[in-house]
PDB file of N, CA and C in Angstrom:
ATOM      1  N   UNK A   1     178.901  51.785 172.663  1.00  0.00           N
ATOM      2  CA  UNK A   1     178.600  53.079 172.219  1.00  0.00           C
ATOM      3  C   UNK A   1     176.887  53.740 172.655  1.00  0.00           C
ATOM      4  N   UNK A   2     176.575  54.327 173.527  1.00  0.00           N
ATOM      5  CA  UNK A   2     175.102  54.887 173.198  1.00  0.00           C
ATOM      6  C   UNK A   2     175.036  55.760 172.284  1.00  0.00           C
ATOM      7  N   UNK A   3     173.911  56.267 171.611  1.00  0.00           N
ATOM      8  CA  UNK A   3     173.377  56.961 170.923  1.00  0.00           C
ATOM      9  C   UNK A   3     173.904  58.475 171.339  1.00  0.00           C
ATOM     10  N   UNK A   4     173.540  58.830 172.720  1.00  0.00           N
ATOM     11  CA  UNK A   4     173.732  60.362 173.361  1.00  0.00           C
ATOM     12  C   UNK A   4     175.210  60.265 173.776  1.00  0.00           C
ATOM     13  N   UNK A   5     176.014  59.570 173.863  1.00  0.00           N
ATOM     14  CA  UNK A   5     177.372  59.710 173.859  1.00  0.00           C
ATOM     15  C   UNK A   5     178.020  60.102 172.742  1.00  0.00           C
ATOM     16  N   UNK A   6     177.296  59.128 171.474  1.00  0.00           N
ATOM     17  CA  UNK A   6     178.237  59.183 170.325  1.00  0.00           C
ATOM     18  C   UNK A   6     177.562  60.600 170.150  1.00  0.00           C
ATOM     19  N   UNK A   7     176.856  61.439 170.455  1.00  0.00           N
ATOM     20  CA  UNK A   7     176.705  62.886 169.772  1.00  0.00           C
ATOM     21  C   UNK A   7     176.987  63.521 170.565  1.00  0.00           C
ATOM     22  N   UNK A   8     177.320  63.228 171.715  1.00  0.00           N
ATOM     23  CA  UNK A   8     178.296  64.770 172.201  1.00  0.00           C
ATOM     24  C   UNK A   8     179.658  64.551 172.275  1.00  0.00           C
ATOM     25  N   UNK A   9     180.192  63.770 171.553  1.00  0.00           N
ATOM     26  CA  UNK A   9     181.280  63.558 171.267  1.00  0.00           C
ATOM     27  C   UNK A   9     181.866  64.105 170.225  1.00  0.00           C
ATOM     28  N   UNK A  10     180.364  63.727 169.031  1.00  0.00           N
ATOM     29  CA  UNK A  10     180.816  64.818 167.357  1.00  0.00           C
ATOM     30  C   UNK A  10     180.836  66.330 167.780  1.00  0.00           C
ATOM     31  N   UNK A  11     179.937  66.707 168.579  1.00  0.00           N
ATOM     32  CA  UNK A  11     179.343  67.556 168.870  1.00  0.00           C
ATOM     33  C   UNK A  11     180.921  68.770 169.894  1.00  0.00           C
ATOM     34  N   UNK A  12     181.810  67.846 170.174  1.00  0.00           N
ATOM     35  CA  UNK A  12     182.291  68.372 170.900  1.00  0.00           C
ATOM     36  C   UNK A  12     183.779  68.585 170.191  1.00  0.00           C
ATOM     37  N   UNK A  13     183.811  67.308 168.815  1.00  0.00           N
ATOM     38  CA  UNK A  13     185.031  67.807 168.129  1.00  0.00           C
ATOM     39  C   UNK A  13     184.339  68.872 166.952  1.00  0.00           C
ATOM     40  N   UNK A  14     183.309  68.601 166.493  1.00  0.00           N
ATOM     41  CA  UNK A  14     182.686  69.960 165.500  1.00  0.00           C
ATOM     42  C   UNK A  14     183.086  71.085 165.859  1.00  0.00           C
ATOM     43  N   UNK A  15     182.668  71.860 167.358  1.00  0.00           N
ATOM     44  CA  UNK A  15     182.760  72.610 168.066  1.00  0.00           C
ATOM     45  C   UNK A  15     184.523  73.230 168.322  1.00  0.00           C
ATOM     46  N   UNK A  16     185.301  72.232 168.338  1.00  0.00           N
ATOM     47  CA  UNK A  16     186.662  72.253 168.341  1.00  0.00           C
ATOM     48  C   UNK A  16     187.169  72.464 167.373  1.00  0.00           C
ATOM     49  N   UNK A  17     187.012  71.681 166.443  1.00  0.00           N
ATOM     50  CA  UNK A  17     187.579  72.255 164.593  1.00  0.00           C
ATOM     51  C   UNK A  17     186.763  73.758 164.299  1.00  0.00           C
ATOM     52  N   UNK A  18     185.681  73.909 164.402  1.00  0.00           N
ATOM     53  CA  UNK A  18     185.282  75.559 164.093  1.00  0.00           C
ATOM     54  C   UNK A  18     186.157  77.001 164.760  1.00  0.00           C
ATOM     55  N   UNK A  19     186.046  76.269 165.953  1.00  0.00           N
ATOM     56  CA  UNK A  19     186.524  76.772 166.841  1.00  0.00           C
ATOM     57  C   UNK A  19     188.246  77.652 166.365  1.00  0.00           C
ATOM     58  N   UNK A  20     188.658  76.312 166.305  1.00  0.00           N
ATOM     59  CA  UNK A  20     190.343  76.330 165.786  1.00  0.00           C
ATOM     60  C   UNK A  20     190.451  77.200 164.494  1.00  0.00           C
ATOM     61  N   UNK A  21     189.666  76.812 163.688  1.00  0.00           N
ATOM     62  CA  UNK A  21     189.222  77.439 162.252  1.00  0.00           C
ATOM     63  C   UNK A  21     189.060  78.874 162.101  1.00  0.00           C
ATOM     64  N   UNK A  22     188.139  79.332 162.969  1.00  0.00           N
ATOM     65  CA  UNK A  22     188.292  80.705 163.360  1.00  0.00           C
ATOM     66  C   UNK A  22     189.279  81.505 164.054  1.00  0.00           C
ATOM     67  N   UNK A  23     189.852  80.801 164.965  1.00  0.00           N
ATOM     68  CA  UNK A  23     190.990  81.670 165.409  1.00  0.00           C
ATOM     69  C   UNK A  23     191.766  81.875 164.209  1.00  0.00           C
ATOM     70  N   UNK A  24     192.218  80.838 163.580  1.00  0.00           N
ATOM     71  CA  UNK A  24     193.343  81.430 162.550  1.00  0.00           C
ATOM     72  C   UNK A  24     192.598  82.034 160.797  1.00  0.00           C
ATOM     73  N   UNK A  25     191.452  82.760 161.289  1.00  0.00           N
ATOM     74  CA  UNK A  25     190.650  83.427 160.379  1.00  0.00           C
ATOM     75  C   UNK A  25     190.689  82.648 158.649  1.00  0.00           C
ATOM     76  N   UNK A  26     190.365  81.091 159.084  1.00  0.00           N
ATOM     77  CA  UNK A  26     190.224  80.318 157.617  1.00  0.00           C
ATOM     78  C   UNK A  26     188.822  80.488 157.486  1.00  0.00           C
ATOM     79  N   UNK A  27     188.022  80.725 158.376  1.00  0.00           N
ATOM     80  CA  UNK A  27     186.583  80.697 158.049  1.00  0.00           C
ATOM     81  C   UNK A  27     186.065  81.583 157.232  1.00  0.00           C
ATOM     82  N   UNK A  28     187.052  82.742 157.436  1.00  0.00           N
ATOM     83  CA  UNK A  28     187.015  84.252 157.121  1.00  0.00           C
ATOM     84  C   UNK A  28     186.988  83.993 155.384  1.00  0.00           C
ATOM     85  N   UNK A  29     188.251  83.355 155.150  1.00  0.00           N
ATOM     86  CA  UNK A  29     188.923  83.000 153.497  1.00  0.00           C
ATOM     87  C   UNK A  29     188.208  82.125 152.961  1.00  0.00           C
ATOM     88  N   UNK A  30     187.886  81.100 153.659  1.00  0.00           N
ATOM     89  CA  UNK A  30     186.668  80.397 153.207  1.00  0.00           C
ATOM     90  C   UNK A  30     185.213  79.630 153.397  1.00  0.00           C
ATOM     91  N   UNK A  31     184.825  80.731 153.316  1.00  0.00           N
ATOM     92  CA  UNK A  31     183.215  80.510 153.807  1.00  0.00           C
ATOM     93  C   UNK A  31     182.808  78.989 153.670  1.00  0.00           C
ATOM     94  N   UNK A  32     183.276  78.489 152.436  1.00  0.00           N
ATOM     95  CA  UNK A  32     182.320  77.303 151.956  1.00  0.00           C
ATOM     96  C   UNK A  32     182.776  76.348 152.740  1.00  0.00           C
ATOM     97  N   UNK A  33     183.746  76.509 153.220  1.00  0.00           N
ATOM     98  CA  UNK A  33     184.380  75.335 154.405  1.00  0.00           C
ATOM     99  C   UNK A  33     183.519  75.011 155.706  1.00  0.00           C
ATOM    100  N   UNK A  34     182.843  76.183 155.895  1.00  0.00           N
ATOM    101  CA  UNK A  34     181.858  76.220 156.666  1.00  0.00           C
ATOM    102  C   UNK A  34     180.581  75.193 157.067  1.00  0.00           C
ATOM    103  N   UNK A  35     180.163  74.597 155.849  1.00  0.00           N
ATOM    104  CA  UNK A  35     179.032  73.989 155.053  1.00  0.00           C
ATOM    105  C   UNK A  35     179.864  72.577 155.397  1.00  0.00           C
ATOM    106  N   UNK A  36     181.592  71.921 155.495  1.00  0.00           N
ATOM    107  CA  UNK A  36     181.785  70.779 155.630  1.00  0.00           C
ATOM    108  C   UNK A  36     181.289  70.109 157.282  1.00  0.00           C
ATOM    109  N   UNK A  37     181.558  70.848 158.240  1.00  0.00           N
ATOM    110  CA  UNK A  37     180.869  69.792 159.523  1.00  0.00           C
ATOM    111  C   UNK A  37     179.719  69.558 159.258  1.00  0.00           C
ATOM    112  N   UNK A  38     178.321  70.710 158.896  1.00  0.00           N
ATOM    113  CA  UNK A  38     177.380  70.166 159.040  1.00  0.00           C
ATOM    114  C   UNK A  38     177.009  68.997 158.023  1.00  0.00           C
ATOM    115  N   UNK A  39     177.550  68.684 156.879  1.00  0.00           N
ATOM    116  CA  UNK A  39     177.893  67.779 155.952  1.00  0.00           C
ATOM    117  C   UNK A  39     177.968  66.468 157.068  1.00  0.00           C
ATOM    118  N   UNK A  40     179.227  66.647 157.302  1.00  0.00           N
ATOM    119  CA  UNK A  40     179.621  65.551 158.397  1.00  0.00           C
ATOM    120  C   UNK A  40     178.568  65.228 159.151  1.00  0.00           C
ATOM    121  N   UNK A  41     178.130  65.860 160.049  1.00  0.00           N
ATOM    122  CA  UNK A  41     176.654  65.995 160.880  1.00  0.00           C
ATOM    123  C   UNK A  41     175.587  65.563 160.278  1.00  0.00           C
ATOM    124  N   UNK A  42     175.047  65.834 158.974  1.00  0.00           N
ATOM    125  CA  UNK A  42     174.246  64.751 158.651  1.00  0.00           C
ATOM    126  C   UNK A  42     174.453  63.528 158.345  1.00  0.00           C
ATOM    127  N   UNK A  43     175.224  62.922 157.689  1.00  0.00           N
ATOM    128  CA  UNK A  43     175.832  61.747 157.871  1.00  0.00           C
ATOM    129  C   UNK A  43     176.225  61.153 158.965  1.00  0.00           C
ATOM    130  N   UNK A  44     176.889  61.770 159.759  1.00  0.00           N
ATOM    131  CA  UNK A  44     177.200  60.770 160.761  1.00  0.00           C
ATOM    132  C   UNK A  44     175.936  60.424 161.282  1.00  0.00           C
ATOM    133  N   UNK A  45     174.850  61.723 161.498  1.00  0.00           N
ATOM    134  CA  UNK A  45     173.353  61.292 162.092  1.00  0.00           C
ATOM    135  C   UNK A  45     172.434  60.371 161.518  1.00  0.00           C
ATOM    136  N   UNK A  46     172.926  60.034 160.077  1.00  0.00           N
ATOM    137  CA  UNK A  46     172.129  59.183 159.192  1.00  0.00           C
ATOM    138  C   UNK A  46     173.000  57.463 159.898  1.00  0.00           C
ATOM    139  N   UNK A  47     174.538  57.698 159.848  1.00  0.00           N
ATOM    140  CA  UNK A  47     174.869  56.696 160.080  1.00  0.00           C
ATOM    141  C   UNK A  47     174.830  55.906 161.476  1.00  0.00           C
ATOM    142  N   UNK A  48     174.575  56.943 162.528  1.00  0.00           N
ATOM    143  CA  UNK A  48     174.169  56.593 163.879  1.00  0.00           C
ATOM    144  C   UNK A  48     173.068  56.281 164.415  1.00  0.00           C
ATOM    145  N   UNK A  49     171.818  56.890 163.197  1.00  0.00           N
ATOM    146  CA  UNK A  49     170.916  56.437 163.319  1.00  0.00           C
ATOM    147  C   UNK A  49     170.444  54.971 162.978  1.00  0.00           C
ATOM    148  N   UNK A  50     171.220  54.472 162.348  1.00  0.00           N
ATOM    149  CA  UNK A  50     171.101  52.879 161.545  1.00  0.00           C
ATOM    150  C   UNK A  50     171.512  52.166 162.630  1.00  0.00           C
ATOM    151  N   UNK A  51     172.750  52.735 163.252  1.00  0.00           N
ATOM    152  CA  UNK A  51     174.155  51.911 164.520  1.00  0.00           C
ATOM    153  C   UNK A  51     173.065  51.750 165.119  1.00  0.00           C
ATOM    154  N   UNK A  52     172.414  52.676 165.838  1.00  0.00           N
ATOM    155  CA  UNK A  52     171.781  52.911 167.168  1.00  0.00           C
ATOM    156  C   UNK A  52     170.611  52.261 167.437  1.00  0.00           C
ATOM    157  N   UNK A  53     169.824  52.213 166.596  1.00  0.00           N
ATOM    158  CA  UNK A  53     168.574  51.612 166.379  1.00  0.00           C
ATOM    159  C   UNK A  53     167.764  50.910 167.533  1.00  0.00           C
ATOM    160  N   UNK A  54     167.059  51.257 168.230  1.00  0.00           N
ATOM    161  CA  UNK A  54     166.341  50.889 169.593  1.00  0.00           C
ATOM    162  C   UNK A  54     165.348  49.512 168.762  1.00  0.00           C
TER     163      UNK A  54
END
């Protein structure tokens, strides 16, 4: 799997999750949860950088 495809898949999944949470107004209630996708993106970025290094 190429890094670009990996990034696109993650962006789509993260956006979908945030849209779902926003629709159910969970983000208003639990604003600290908005940091979770950012942390996941950071750690997945570190992982993909090591895994797909050219």
